Amino acid sequence: MTAPPDAAPSDIAPPDLLPTLEHRLLAIPDDKFLEVVRLLERVRDHPDVQQTFASIRPRLVQMRPERRPTLKRVLCMPFEDVLESFGGADVPLGRIERRAIDPMWGIIEDCADRHALDQLDRQVQEVAPGDHNGMLNIGRRLWPLAAQTLRSVMESDGSRHVLWRRLHGDEDLRRQVIDAAVFLDIGLSIEALKSDLSPKPLPELEDRHVAAIEQAAQAVARQNVAAVYSLLLVAAARLAAPADLLPVLNDLDLGKARRDQPVIFAQLSGLVVSNLEERTARLEPKAGTPSTAVASPEAAMALAERLIASVTTTNAVMDLLNEPIYRERLDAVKAAVGAMVTGSVLDTASDGILSAIPVPTPGAAPVVDEAAQAAAEDHARALRRCEGLADTLGLRHAVSDTLKRMGQGVSVRAQALLKDYPQMAGDADAAESAELTLFYALRLLELVAGPAKADPLRLAILSAIGESPDEG
């Protein structure tokens, strides 16, 4: 499927055909799918095209194709690290909501120099997908133009009709647009820092990263002292644990912003605590529906470990500040994480682990469920990881009790399969299925109880199938 570069929406797909196209896009081969997506991106602002993109987003997320640059996409580059994600419990510090992008771009289209925008739009159409330097060259001109336009509109009494039409009187959106203007002002410094703090998320803040942050902060301070805080928000957002920036913050030389350092430190510290509170608040189910913040026990533990690492770092900083109110709030965050771990890992352990071991049916071979076994092993590993946070979360007894119950439960179910095994011995296929389920049960017992406690079961299985321990 091809179309000329200046194809109009009707040339690509008539609006009344788009709903049908949505379903066809989910079935066609990858190469054709990407070809259609690139054509649709040329008219992405059309309402029906936006609906089409919403329906095919899961396939786009799975394929992760290089996206065609647009002015709106270039606009977002300086603050993309603080954009709220499309779901989940991780919330960037000082976030800008994605719902602010379209109104912001609408204000720029309404009020910026039309000739300059048209010229930039022609240039960005020549930039190939993935050409970061090409997008930077567009950004050099777009970001100052956009920042100046947004600031002028925000500060002008005569532009109230524009604000109302685009923001509908939403003060929170207005604040986010003002914040975005600051990120745009220092867009080139932000892009340079992002290159130094890659990949994202940065697992550990090393000396070279600290030096890069300090150098960028000094450069920004020469341009606009107040914008240093925004730069540090981007730096924190690129870290796996944003709180890791706090311990080094007071030792940074912020150049012209050094006199503002205590204020910046206090703002960032308070924001880290508030951010942790918001992230844990998203773990709670809403209106009787289960939380969608974590998709699996292992995802729950990964999230819990990140949150508790941030709480631990922040607590150490707050001890220096001697702020009891912060410690109380951080204790509440730990309690929320503990509740999430209990609900997602401990309380679901029986269903998640034991249900993977089939119950013997007289005269029938056990059914091997590879997917259930893989999920059970993931759950067992998550349960083991709970031990590392048990004391911090006040869950030592609950974790120990759950591990003990799972060990006993797996043993009982494995013994039942072992007892039933001789009935399968006369049928090669049935015997193979029975042996596989026994070794899967052994694997689960090793994960929840440890190799030493699983060893008697291993010896019993080898004896039942006629192998010696050395052969096994």
Protein backbone atom coordinates (compact mmCIF):
# COMPACT_ATOMS: atom_id res chain seq x y z
CA MET A 1 0.00 0.00 0.00
CA THR A 2 1.55 3.30 -1.06
CA ALA A 3 0.49 6.93 -1.16
CA PRO A 4 2.11 10.19 -2.24
CA PRO A 5 3.87 12.18 0.53
CA ASP A 6 1.16 14.84 0.54
CA ALA A 7 -1.69 12.31 0.76
CA ALA A 8 -4.88 13.66 2.27
CA PRO A 9 -6.95 11.68 4.79
CA SER A 10 -9.44 10.67 2.10
CA ASP A 11 -6.57 9.43 -0.10
CA ILE A 12 -5.39 7.02 2.61
CA ALA A 13 -8.69 5.75 3.99
CA PRO A 14 -12.11 7.42 3.87
CA PRO A 15 -13.32 8.17 7.42
CA ASP A 16 -16.31 5.84 7.08
CA LEU A 17 -13.94 2.95 6.29
CA LEU A 18 -11.66 3.47 9.29
CA PRO A 19 -13.75 1.41 11.77
CA THR A 20 -13.49 -1.56 9.38
CA LEU A 21 -9.79 -0.87 8.86
CA GLU A 22 -9.17 -1.16 12.62
CA HIS A 23 -10.02 -4.86 12.58
CA ARG A 24 -8.10 -5.55 9.37
CA LEU A 25 -4.98 -3.87 10.80
CA LEU A 26 -4.87 -6.41 13.61
CA ALA A 27 -4.75 -9.31 11.14
CA ILE A 28 -2.41 -8.23 8.33
CA PRO A 29 1.34 -9.13 8.30
CA ASP A 30 3.78 -6.95 10.22
CA ASP A 31 5.32 -5.25 7.19
CA LYS A 32 1.93 -4.24 5.77
CA PHE A 33 0.77 -3.17 9.22
CA LEU A 34 3.74 -0.80 9.62
CA GLU A 35 3.20 0.59 6.11
CA VAL A 36 -0.42 1.49 6.91
CA VAL A 37 0.56 2.91 10.31
CA ARG A 38 3.09 5.26 8.69
CA LEU A 39 0.44 6.49 6.27
CA LEU A 40 -2.10 7.02 9.04
CA GLU A 41 0.47 8.97 11.06
CA ARG A 42 0.37 11.67 8.39
CA VAL A 43 -3.22 12.44 9.44
CA ARG A 44 -3.00 11.40 13.06
CA ASP A 45 -5.00 14.40 14.31
CA HIS A 46 -8.15 13.23 12.51
CA PRO A 47 -10.60 11.97 15.20
CA ASP A 48 -11.30 8.68 13.41
CA VAL A 49 -7.57 8.08 12.97
CA GLN A 50 -7.00 8.73 16.68
CA GLN A 51 -9.66 6.11 17.45
CA THR A 52 -7.93 3.69 15.09
CA PHE A 53 -4.60 4.21 16.84
CA ALA A 54 -6.25 3.60 20.22
CA SER A 55 -7.56 0.23 19.01
CA ILE A 56 -4.22 -0.91 17.53
CA ARG A 57 -2.06 0.42 20.39
CA PRO A 58 -1.45 -3.07 21.89
CA ARG A 59 0.10 -4.25 18.62
CA LEU A 60 2.15 -1.05 18.34
CA VAL A 61 3.44 -1.50 21.89
CA GLN A 62 4.39 -5.08 21.10
CA MET A 63 6.19 -4.22 17.84
CA ARG A 64 7.72 -0.91 19.00
CA PRO A 65 8.26 0.48 15.47
CA GLU A 66 10.28 3.62 14.89
CA ARG A 67 7.72 6.40 14.74
CA ARG A 68 7.69 9.12 12.11
CA PRO A 69 8.83 12.43 13.62
CA THR A 70 6.21 15.17 13.92
CA LEU A 71 6.43 18.66 15.38
CA LYS A 72 4.25 17.59 18.30
CA ARG A 73 6.60 14.69 19.02
CA VAL A 74 9.66 16.97 18.84
CA LEU A 75 7.87 19.42 21.16
CA CYS A 76 7.60 16.75 23.86
CA MET A 77 11.25 15.68 23.82
CA PRO A 78 12.51 17.99 26.62
CA PHE A 79 9.77 16.88 29.04
CA GLU A 80 9.14 13.31 27.83
CA ASP A 81 10.83 11.89 30.95
CA VAL A 82 8.27 13.56 33.20
CA LEU A 83 5.28 12.58 31.07
CA GLU A 84 2.89 10.31 32.89
CA SER A 85 3.00 6.76 31.57
CA PHE A 86 0.04 5.00 29.98
CA GLY A 87 -0.74 3.09 33.18
CA GLY A 88 0.94 1.36 36.08
CA ALA A 89 2.06 2.63 39.44
CA ASP A 90 5.28 4.39 38.45
CA VAL A 91 4.67 8.13 38.37
CA PRO A 92 7.52 10.51 37.39
CA LEU A 93 8.45 13.37 39.67
CA GLY A 94 6.77 16.64 38.72
CA ARG A 95 4.78 14.84 36.06
CA ILE A 96 3.04 16.41 33.10
CA GLU A 97 -0.09 14.53 32.11
CA ARG A 98 -0.43 13.34 28.54
CA ARG A 99 -3.79 15.06 28.34
CA ALA A 100 -1.90 18.37 28.42
CA ILE A 101 -0.10 17.74 25.12
CA ASP A 102 -2.94 18.39 22.68
CA PRO A 103 -4.15 21.63 24.36
CA MET A 104 -0.55 22.82 24.60
CA TRP A 105 0.07 22.13 20.92
CA GLY A 106 -3.25 23.78 20.07
CA ILE A 107 -2.15 26.99 21.81
CA ILE A 108 1.11 26.94 19.86
CA GLU A 109 -0.69 26.41 16.56
CA ASP A 110 -3.12 29.24 17.40
CA CYS A 111 -0.60 31.80 18.57
CA ALA A 112 2.92 31.04 17.30
CA ASP A 113 4.39 32.50 14.12
CA ARG A 114 2.54 30.59 11.38
CA HIS A 115 5.28 30.96 8.81
CA ALA A 116 7.90 29.58 11.21
CA LEU A 117 5.69 26.62 12.15
CA ASP A 118 4.96 25.78 8.51
CA GLN A 119 8.66 25.90 7.69
CA LEU A 120 9.49 23.59 10.62
CA ASP A 121 6.67 21.25 9.64
CA ARG A 122 8.11 20.89 6.14
CA GLN A 123 11.54 20.22 7.60
CA VAL A 124 10.34 17.58 10.09
CA GLN A 125 8.67 15.63 7.28
CA GLU A 126 12.12 15.12 5.79
CA VAL A 127 13.48 13.61 9.04
CA ALA A 128 13.65 9.81 8.95
CA PRO A 129 12.24 7.70 11.79
CA GLY A 130 14.93 7.22 14.45
CA ASP A 131 17.00 10.21 13.32
CA HIS A 132 17.59 11.77 16.74
CA ASN A 133 20.00 14.42 15.45
CA GLY A 134 17.47 15.47 12.84
CA MET A 135 14.83 15.90 15.55
CA LEU A 136 17.30 17.88 17.67
CA ASN A 137 17.91 20.26 14.79
CA ILE A 138 14.17 20.90 14.57
CA GLY A 139 13.99 21.28 18.36
CA ARG A 140 16.65 23.98 18.39
CA ARG A 141 14.17 26.28 16.65
CA LEU A 142 10.87 24.83 17.84
CA TRP A 143 11.49 24.77 21.60
CA PRO A 144 12.35 28.48 22.08
CA LEU A 145 9.46 29.44 19.78
CA ALA A 146 7.03 27.22 21.70
CA ALA A 147 8.26 28.35 25.14
CA GLN A 148 7.96 32.02 24.22
CA THR A 149 4.48 31.47 22.76
CA LEU A 150 3.18 29.54 25.77
CA ARG A 151 4.60 32.04 28.24
CA SER A 152 3.21 34.99 26.32
CA VAL A 153 -0.26 33.45 26.19
CA MET A 154 -0.21 32.46 29.86
CA GLU A 155 0.74 35.96 30.94
CA SER A 156 -1.51 37.91 28.58
CA ASP A 157 -4.95 39.08 29.68
CA GLY A 158 -5.95 39.31 26.05
CA SER A 159 -5.40 35.60 25.53
CA ARG A 160 -7.99 34.41 28.03
CA HIS A 161 -10.29 33.22 25.24
CA VAL A 162 -7.49 31.02 23.89
CA LEU A 163 -6.87 29.54 27.32
CA TRP A 164 -10.53 28.85 27.86
CA ARG A 165 -10.96 27.28 24.43
CA ARG A 166 -7.92 25.07 24.80
CA LEU A 167 -7.75 24.42 28.57
CA HIS A 168 -11.43 24.87 29.48
CA GLY A 169 -10.51 26.71 32.65
CA ASP A 170 -8.56 23.75 34.05
CA GLU A 171 -6.03 25.31 36.44
CA ASP A 172 -4.07 22.08 36.79
CA LEU A 173 -3.57 21.94 33.03
CA ARG A 174 -2.57 25.61 33.06
CA ARG A 175 0.13 24.86 35.65
CA GLN A 176 1.41 21.96 33.56
CA VAL A 177 1.63 24.12 30.44
CA ILE A 178 3.65 26.71 32.39
CA ASP A 179 5.94 23.93 33.67
CA ALA A 180 6.36 22.60 30.12
CA ALA A 181 7.48 26.05 28.95
CA VAL A 182 10.39 25.88 31.42
CA PHE A 183 11.46 22.46 30.12
CA LEU A 184 11.29 23.82 26.57
CA ASP A 185 13.45 26.82 27.53
CA ILE A 186 16.30 24.49 28.48
CA GLY A 187 15.56 21.79 25.90
CA LEU A 188 19.10 21.52 24.52
CA SER A 189 20.64 21.18 28.01
CA ILE A 190 18.07 18.54 28.88
CA GLU A 191 18.80 16.54 25.74
CA ALA A 192 22.54 16.64 26.45
CA LEU A 193 21.95 15.45 30.02
CA LYS A 194 19.66 12.64 28.85
CA SER A 195 22.48 11.37 26.67
CA ASP A 196 24.81 11.32 29.71
CA LEU A 197 22.20 9.60 31.91
CA SER A 198 21.43 6.73 29.55
CA PRO A 199 20.10 4.12 29.41
CA LYS A 200 16.83 4.80 31.19
CA PRO A 201 16.17 3.77 33.89
CA LEU A 202 19.69 4.27 35.16
CA PRO A 203 20.24 1.52 37.77
CA GLU A 204 22.93 3.32 39.74
CA LEU A 205 24.07 6.94 40.06
CA GLU A 206 27.83 6.90 39.45
CA ASP A 207 30.37 9.70 39.90
CA ARG A 208 30.39 10.43 36.16
CA HIS A 209 26.61 10.84 36.23
CA VAL A 210 26.82 13.22 39.18
CA ALA A 211 29.45 15.24 37.32
CA ALA A 212 27.19 15.43 34.25
CA ILE A 213 24.26 16.64 36.35
CA GLU A 214 26.43 19.28 38.02
CA GLN A 215 27.78 20.54 34.69
CA ALA A 216 24.29 20.70 33.17
CA ALA A 217 22.91 22.52 36.23
CA GLN A 218 25.65 25.14 36.02
CA ALA A 219 24.92 25.72 32.31
CA VAL A 220 21.19 26.07 32.97
CA ALA A 221 21.77 28.38 35.94
CA ARG A 222 23.65 30.78 33.65
CA GLN A 223 20.55 30.86 31.45
CA ASN A 224 17.78 30.78 34.09
CA VAL A 225 18.36 30.02 37.79
CA ALA A 226 14.75 28.95 38.31
CA ALA A 227 15.04 26.31 35.58
CA VAL A 228 17.67 24.31 37.51
CA TYR A 229 14.87 22.65 39.47
CA SER A 230 13.24 21.45 36.24
CA LEU A 231 16.57 20.04 35.03
CA LEU A 232 16.93 18.11 38.29
CA LEU A 233 13.43 16.69 37.85
CA VAL A 234 14.52 15.22 34.53
CA ALA A 235 17.69 13.83 36.14
CA ALA A 236 15.66 12.19 38.92
CA ALA A 237 13.12 10.81 36.45
CA ARG A 238 15.87 8.97 34.56
CA LEU A 239 17.00 7.09 37.68
CA ALA A 240 15.61 3.70 38.63
CA ALA A 241 15.25 5.14 42.14
CA PRO A 242 14.68 8.92 41.84
CA ALA A 243 15.40 9.32 45.56
CA ASP A 244 19.06 8.44 44.82
CA LEU A 245 19.54 12.03 43.68
CA LEU A 246 18.80 13.41 47.17
CA PRO A 247 21.98 12.24 49.00
CA VAL A 248 24.25 13.93 46.42
CA LEU A 249 22.17 17.06 45.86
CA ASN A 250 23.66 19.20 48.60
CA ASP A 251 27.18 18.40 47.41
CA LEU A 252 26.55 19.61 43.86
CA ASP A 253 27.96 22.93 42.73
CA LEU A 254 24.93 24.51 41.06
CA GLY A 255 26.83 27.59 39.94
CA LYS A 256 24.62 30.68 39.97
CA ALA A 257 21.86 28.62 41.61
CA ARG A 258 23.94 27.71 44.67
CA ARG A 259 22.12 30.24 46.86
CA ASP A 260 18.84 28.54 45.96
CA GLN A 261 20.23 25.10 46.81
CA PRO A 262 18.47 24.71 50.20
CA VAL A 263 15.13 25.61 48.63
CA ILE A 264 15.69 23.25 45.70
CA PHE A 265 16.68 20.48 48.10
CA ALA A 266 13.59 21.01 50.25
CA GLN A 267 11.31 21.11 47.18
CA LEU A 268 12.78 17.98 45.67
CA SER A 269 12.73 16.11 48.99
CA GLY A 270 9.09 16.94 49.58
CA LEU A 271 8.25 16.00 46.00
CA VAL A 272 9.97 12.61 46.36
CA VAL A 273 7.85 11.84 49.43
CA SER A 274 4.65 13.01 47.73
CA ASN A 275 5.58 10.99 44.65
CA LEU A 276 6.03 7.83 46.72
CA GLU A 277 2.65 8.44 48.32
CA GLU A 278 1.00 8.85 44.94
CA ARG A 279 2.64 5.76 43.50
CA THR A 280 1.47 3.63 46.42
CA ALA A 281 -2.02 5.17 46.29
CA ARG A 282 -2.31 3.74 42.78
CA LEU A 283 -1.82 0.26 44.19
CA GLU A 284 -5.19 0.41 45.90
CA PRO A 285 -8.21 -0.98 44.03
CA LYS A 286 -10.89 1.49 42.99
CA ALA A 287 -14.65 1.08 43.40
CA GLY A 288 -14.53 -2.62 44.14
CA THR A 289 -12.33 -3.50 41.16
CA PRO A 290 -8.87 -5.07 41.55
CA SER A 291 -5.81 -2.88 41.15
CA THR A 292 -4.23 -2.98 37.68
CA ALA A 293 -0.94 -1.48 38.88
CA VAL A 294 0.75 -4.90 39.05
CA ALA A 295 0.20 -7.64 36.52
CA SER A 296 1.86 -10.56 38.33
CA PRO A 297 3.49 -11.54 41.65
CA GLU A 298 6.95 -10.97 40.14
CA ALA A 299 5.89 -7.53 38.90
CA ALA A 300 4.56 -6.79 42.39
CA MET A 301 7.89 -7.71 43.96
CA ALA A 302 9.90 -5.69 41.42
CA LEU A 303 7.73 -2.67 42.18
CA ALA A 304 7.93 -3.26 45.93
CA GLU A 305 11.72 -3.45 45.82
CA ARG A 306 11.97 -0.19 43.86
CA LEU A 307 9.59 1.62 46.19
CA ILE A 308 11.25 0.38 49.38
CA ALA A 309 14.71 1.27 48.03
CA SER A 310 13.44 4.81 47.48
CA VAL A 311 11.83 4.90 50.93
CA THR A 312 15.08 3.77 52.56
CA THR A 313 17.14 6.40 50.74
CA THR A 314 14.59 9.13 51.45
CA ASN A 315 14.36 8.16 55.12
CA ALA A 316 18.11 8.59 55.50
CA VAL A 317 17.88 12.07 53.96
CA MET A 318 14.91 13.02 56.12
CA ASP A 319 16.82 12.01 59.23
CA LEU A 320 19.31 14.74 58.33
CA LEU A 321 16.47 17.22 57.94
CA ASN A 322 14.94 16.11 61.25
CA GLU A 323 11.44 16.16 59.75
CA PRO A 324 9.23 13.73 61.74
CA ILE A 325 6.23 14.38 59.49
CA TYR A 326 8.14 12.99 56.53
CA ARG A 327 9.05 9.85 58.45
CA GLU A 328 5.41 9.31 59.33
CA ARG A 329 4.40 9.68 55.70
CA LEU A 330 7.14 7.28 54.59
CA ASP A 331 5.94 4.74 57.16
CA ALA A 332 2.51 4.98 55.54
CA VAL A 333 4.13 4.30 52.16
CA LYS A 334 5.77 1.16 53.59
CA ALA A 335 2.43 0.03 54.97
CA ALA A 336 0.82 0.44 51.54
CA VAL A 337 3.64 -1.53 49.88
CA GLY A 338 3.24 -4.25 52.52
CA ALA A 339 -0.47 -4.47 51.77
CA MET A 340 0.25 -4.76 48.04
CA VAL A 341 2.79 -7.57 48.61
CA THR A 342 0.35 -9.37 50.89
CA GLY A 343 -2.49 -9.15 48.39
CA SER A 344 -0.48 -9.86 45.23
CA VAL A 345 2.03 -12.47 46.45
CA LEU A 346 1.15 -14.00 49.82
CA ASP A 347 -2.63 -14.27 49.72
CA THR A 348 -2.60 -15.63 46.17
CA ALA A 349 0.17 -18.19 46.73
CA SER A 350 -2.12 -21.23 47.05
CA ASP A 351 -3.92 -20.52 43.79
CA GLY A 352 -0.77 -19.37 42.05
CA ILE A 353 1.55 -22.23 43.08
CA LEU A 354 -0.37 -25.28 44.29
CA SER A 355 -2.95 -25.19 41.52
CA ALA A 356 -0.21 -25.91 38.97
CA ILE A 357 0.24 -29.43 40.40
CA PRO A 358 -2.49 -31.69 39.01
CA VAL A 359 -4.58 -33.83 41.35
CA PRO A 360 -4.44 -37.52 40.29
CA THR A 361 -7.50 -38.86 38.51
CA PRO A 362 -7.95 -42.67 38.72
CA GLY A 363 -7.10 -44.30 35.43
CA ALA A 364 -6.10 -41.05 33.68
CA ALA A 365 -2.67 -39.60 32.99
CA PRO A 366 -2.01 -36.20 34.59
CA VAL A 367 -2.36 -33.24 32.22
CA VAL A 368 0.87 -31.26 31.77
CA ASP A 369 0.16 -27.52 31.73
CA GLU A 370 3.37 -25.74 30.75
CA ALA A 371 1.89 -22.24 31.09
CA ALA A 372 0.55 -22.96 34.59
CA GLN A 373 3.93 -24.39 35.64
CA ALA A 374 5.81 -21.34 34.36
CA ALA A 375 3.42 -19.01 36.20
CA ALA A 376 3.73 -21.09 39.38
CA GLU A 377 7.53 -20.94 39.24
CA ASP A 378 7.38 -17.17 38.76
CA HIS A 379 5.08 -16.92 41.77
CA ALA A 380 7.38 -19.12 43.84
CA ARG A 381 10.37 -16.92 42.98
CA ALA A 382 8.37 -13.83 43.92
CA LEU A 383 7.48 -15.46 47.24
CA ARG A 384 11.16 -16.13 47.92
CA ARG A 385 11.97 -12.50 47.12
CA CYS A 386 9.54 -11.47 49.84
CA GLU A 387 12.10 -12.66 52.40
CA GLY A 388 14.38 -9.76 51.47
CA LEU A 389 11.70 -7.18 52.39
CA ALA A 390 9.92 -9.14 55.13
CA ASP A 391 11.44 -7.29 58.09
CA THR A 392 11.15 -3.85 56.49
CA LEU A 393 7.48 -4.43 55.70
CA GLY A 394 6.65 -6.14 58.99
CA LEU A 395 5.79 -9.35 57.18
CA ARG A 396 8.36 -11.76 58.64
CA HIS A 397 5.76 -14.09 60.21
CA ALA A 398 3.41 -13.91 57.21
CA VAL A 399 6.17 -14.70 54.72
CA SER A 400 7.59 -17.57 56.81
CA ASP A 401 4.12 -19.02 57.32
CA THR A 402 3.30 -18.81 53.61
CA LEU A 403 6.58 -20.47 52.60
CA LYS A 404 5.97 -23.25 55.12
CA ARG A 405 2.40 -23.82 53.89
CA MET A 406 3.49 -23.84 50.27
CA GLY A 407 6.27 -26.34 51.03
CA GLN A 408 3.83 -28.63 52.80
CA GLY A 409 1.20 -28.23 50.09
CA VAL A 410 3.60 -29.01 47.25
CA SER A 411 4.92 -32.06 49.16
CA VAL A 412 1.43 -33.44 49.73
CA ARG A 413 0.43 -33.03 46.08
CA ALA A 414 3.74 -34.46 44.87
CA GLN A 415 3.34 -37.51 47.12
CA ALA A 416 -0.14 -38.09 45.68
CA LEU A 417 1.31 -38.02 42.15
CA LEU A 418 4.11 -40.34 43.24
CA LYS A 419 1.66 -42.81 44.72
CA ASP A 420 -0.35 -42.78 41.48
CA TYR A 421 2.70 -43.22 39.23
CA PRO A 422 2.81 -47.06 39.14
CA GLN A 423 -0.63 -47.07 37.45
CA MET A 424 0.91 -45.11 34.54
CA ALA A 425 3.97 -47.32 34.10
CA GLY A 426 2.35 -49.62 31.51
CA ASP A 427 1.58 -46.76 29.10
CA ALA A 428 4.62 -44.92 27.69
CA ASP A 429 2.76 -41.65 27.03
CA ALA A 430 1.00 -41.69 30.39
CA ALA A 431 4.26 -42.50 32.17
CA GLU A 432 6.02 -39.63 30.40
CA SER A 433 3.31 -37.18 31.48
CA ALA A 434 3.40 -38.51 35.05
CA GLU A 435 7.18 -38.20 35.24
CA LEU A 436 7.09 -34.66 33.90
CA THR A 437 4.50 -33.56 36.45
CA LEU A 438 6.59 -35.15 39.22
CA PHE A 439 9.73 -33.27 38.19
CA TYR A 440 7.72 -30.05 37.85
CA ALA A 441 6.45 -30.56 41.41
CA LEU A 442 10.04 -31.18 42.52
CA ARG A 443 11.07 -27.91 40.89
CA LEU A 444 8.38 -26.01 42.79
CA LEU A 445 9.41 -27.63 46.07
CA GLU A 446 13.02 -26.59 45.47
CA LEU A 447 11.89 -23.00 44.88
CA VAL A 448 9.64 -22.66 47.95
CA ALA A 449 11.50 -24.91 50.44
CA GLY A 450 15.07 -25.12 49.16
CA PRO A 451 17.12 -27.96 47.60
CA ALA A 452 17.83 -29.68 50.93
CA LYS A 453 14.15 -30.16 51.78
CA ALA A 454 13.39 -31.18 48.20
CA ASP A 455 16.11 -33.83 48.07
CA PRO A 456 14.03 -36.67 49.66
CA LEU A 457 11.36 -36.13 46.99
CA ARG A 458 14.01 -36.20 44.27
CA LEU A 459 15.35 -39.55 45.54
CA ALA A 460 11.82 -40.98 45.77
CA ILE A 461 11.03 -39.91 42.20
CA LEU A 462 14.25 -41.43 40.85
CA SER A 463 13.52 -44.66 42.69
CA ALA A 464 9.96 -44.82 41.33
CA ILE A 465 11.03 -44.35 37.70
CA GLY A 466 13.91 -46.81 38.06
CA GLU A 467 16.88 -44.47 37.96
CA SER A 468 19.73 -44.22 40.43
CA PRO A 469 20.63 -40.86 42.00
CA ASP A 470 23.88 -40.81 40.03
CA GLU A 471 22.02 -41.29 36.76
CA GLY A 472 19.50 -38.58 37.68
